[in-house]
Amino acid sequence: MAVKQRLQPHEHGAVSEFLDLLERQLEGRVFQTLLFGSKARGDSTPDSDIDI
């Protein structure tokens, strides 16, 4: 699954790990995942979370 470059390298790694775990746990039932919120819009602050 693609993750936009709006994430910092450590965030990208954490999201990739989470998505891999999600796909393994749900055994092929994941149709789509989306990044939304301030990270997706590109207007995040240091206190912003990652919305998936």
N, C-alpha and C. Protein backbone atom coordinates (compact mmCIF):
# COMPACT_ATOMS: atom_id res chain seq x y z
N MET A 1 0.84 -1.18 0.00
CA MET A 1 0.00 0.00 0.00
C MET A 1 0.88 1.24 0.00
N ALA A 2 0.48 2.20 -0.73
CA ALA A 2 1.27 3.42 -0.84
C ALA A 2 0.98 4.37 0.33
N VAL A 3 2.03 4.98 0.81
CA VAL A 3 1.92 6.00 1.85
C VAL A 3 2.53 7.27 1.28
N LYS A 4 1.78 8.36 1.32
CA LYS A 4 2.28 9.62 0.76
C LYS A 4 3.51 10.10 1.50
N GLN A 5 4.32 10.90 0.83
CA GLN A 5 5.56 11.40 1.41
C GLN A 5 5.35 12.55 2.39
N ARG A 6 4.14 12.79 2.81
CA ARG A 6 3.87 13.83 3.81
C ARG A 6 4.28 13.38 5.20
N LEU A 7 4.64 12.12 5.34
CA LEU A 7 5.06 11.58 6.62
C LEU A 7 6.57 11.65 6.76
N GLN A 8 7.02 11.84 7.99
CA GLN A 8 8.44 11.79 8.29
C GLN A 8 8.90 10.33 8.15
N PRO A 9 10.18 10.09 7.92
CA PRO A 9 10.65 8.71 7.74
C PRO A 9 10.24 7.77 8.88
N HIS A 10 10.34 8.22 10.14
CA HIS A 10 9.95 7.34 11.25
C HIS A 10 8.44 7.09 11.27
N GLU A 11 7.66 8.07 10.84
CA GLU A 11 6.21 7.90 10.77
C GLU A 11 5.86 6.92 9.65
N HIS A 12 6.54 7.07 8.53
CA HIS A 12 6.31 6.18 7.39
C HIS A 12 6.57 4.73 7.81
N GLY A 13 7.66 4.50 8.54
CA GLY A 13 7.98 3.16 9.00
C GLY A 13 6.91 2.60 9.93
N ALA A 14 6.43 3.43 10.85
CA ALA A 14 5.40 2.99 11.79
C ALA A 14 4.10 2.67 11.07
N VAL A 15 3.72 3.51 10.11
CA VAL A 15 2.49 3.28 9.35
C VAL A 15 2.63 2.00 8.52
N SER A 16 3.76 1.81 7.88
CA SER A 16 3.98 0.60 7.08
C SER A 16 3.89 -0.65 7.95
N GLU A 17 4.49 -0.61 9.12
CA GLU A 17 4.42 -1.74 10.06
C GLU A 17 2.98 -2.01 10.47
N PHE A 18 2.24 -0.94 10.79
CA PHE A 18 0.85 -1.09 11.19
C PHE A 18 0.02 -1.71 10.06
N LEU A 19 0.21 -1.22 8.84
CA LEU A 19 -0.58 -1.74 7.72
C LEU A 19 -0.24 -3.19 7.43
N ASP A 20 1.03 -3.56 7.54
CA ASP A 20 1.42 -4.97 7.37
C ASP A 20 0.74 -5.84 8.41
N LEU A 21 0.74 -5.40 9.66
CA LEU A 21 0.08 -6.15 10.73
C LEU A 21 -1.42 -6.25 10.48
N LEU A 22 -2.03 -5.16 10.08
CA LEU A 22 -3.46 -5.14 9.79
C LEU A 22 -3.80 -6.14 8.70
N GLU A 23 -3.02 -6.15 7.63
CA GLU A 23 -3.27 -7.08 6.52
C GLU A 23 -3.11 -8.53 6.96
N ARG A 24 -2.11 -8.80 7.79
CA ARG A 24 -1.90 -10.17 8.28
C ARG A 24 -3.05 -10.60 9.20
N GLN A 25 -3.46 -9.71 10.09
CA GLN A 25 -4.51 -10.05 11.05
C GLN A 25 -5.87 -10.23 10.37
N LEU A 26 -6.12 -9.45 9.34
CA LEU A 26 -7.43 -9.51 8.67
C LEU A 26 -7.41 -10.41 7.44
N GLU A 27 -6.30 -11.08 7.21
CA GLU A 27 -6.18 -12.12 6.18
C GLU A 27 -6.82 -11.77 4.85
N GLY A 28 -6.36 -10.71 4.22
CA GLY A 28 -6.83 -10.36 2.89
C GLY A 28 -8.16 -9.65 2.83
N ARG A 29 -8.72 -9.28 3.97
CA ARG A 29 -10.02 -8.60 3.97
C ARG A 29 -9.89 -7.09 3.95
N VAL A 30 -8.66 -6.58 3.87
CA VAL A 30 -8.47 -5.13 3.79
C VAL A 30 -8.58 -4.73 2.32
N PHE A 31 -9.57 -3.93 2.01
CA PHE A 31 -9.78 -3.47 0.64
C PHE A 31 -8.97 -2.22 0.36
N GLN A 32 -8.94 -1.30 1.32
CA GLN A 32 -8.27 -0.02 1.11
C GLN A 32 -7.96 0.60 2.46
N THR A 33 -6.85 1.31 2.53
CA THR A 33 -6.56 2.13 3.70
C THR A 33 -6.27 3.54 3.22
N LEU A 34 -6.65 4.50 4.02
CA LEU A 34 -6.48 5.90 3.64
C LEU A 34 -5.82 6.68 4.75
N LEU A 35 -4.96 7.59 4.37
CA LEU A 35 -4.40 8.57 5.28
C LEU A 35 -5.27 9.81 5.15
N PHE A 36 -5.76 10.33 6.28
CA PHE A 36 -6.59 11.53 6.22
C PHE A 36 -6.20 12.48 7.32
N GLY A 37 -6.83 13.61 7.38
CA GLY A 37 -6.52 14.60 8.41
C GLY A 37 -5.36 15.49 8.02
N SER A 38 -4.76 16.10 9.02
CA SER A 38 -3.73 17.11 8.77
C SER A 38 -2.49 16.55 8.08
N LYS A 39 -2.13 15.30 8.36
CA LYS A 39 -0.97 14.71 7.67
C LYS A 39 -1.24 14.58 6.18
N ALA A 40 -2.44 14.17 5.82
CA ALA A 40 -2.80 14.02 4.41
C ALA A 40 -2.90 15.38 3.71
N ARG A 41 -3.40 16.36 4.43
CA ARG A 41 -3.54 17.69 3.84
C ARG A 41 -2.21 18.43 3.75
N GLY A 42 -1.26 18.01 4.57
CA GLY A 42 0.04 18.68 4.58
C GLY A 42 0.11 19.87 5.50
N ASP A 43 -0.83 19.98 6.43
CA ASP A 43 -0.81 21.12 7.36
C ASP A 43 -0.68 20.65 8.82
N SER A 44 0.04 19.56 9.02
CA SER A 44 0.22 19.02 10.37
C SER A 44 1.19 19.87 11.18
N THR A 45 1.08 19.72 12.49
CA THR A 45 2.00 20.37 13.43
C THR A 45 2.76 19.27 14.16
N PRO A 46 3.77 19.62 14.96
CA PRO A 46 4.49 18.58 15.71
C PRO A 46 3.59 17.77 16.65
N ASP A 47 2.45 18.30 17.04
CA ASP A 47 1.53 17.59 17.93
C ASP A 47 0.48 16.77 17.19
N SER A 48 0.49 16.80 15.87
CA SER A 48 -0.52 16.09 15.09
C SER A 48 -0.34 14.58 15.18
N ASP A 49 -1.47 13.88 15.17
CA ASP A 49 -1.42 12.43 15.11
C ASP A 49 -1.56 11.98 13.66
N ILE A 50 -1.51 10.68 13.45
CA ILE A 50 -1.64 10.12 12.11
C ILE A 50 -2.99 9.43 12.05
N ASP A 51 -3.83 9.88 11.14
CA ASP A 51 -5.18 9.32 10.98
C ASP A 51 -5.20 8.37 9.80
N ILE A 52 -5.54 7.10 10.10
CA ILE A 52 -5.60 6.08 9.04
C ILE A 52 -6.98 5.48 9.04
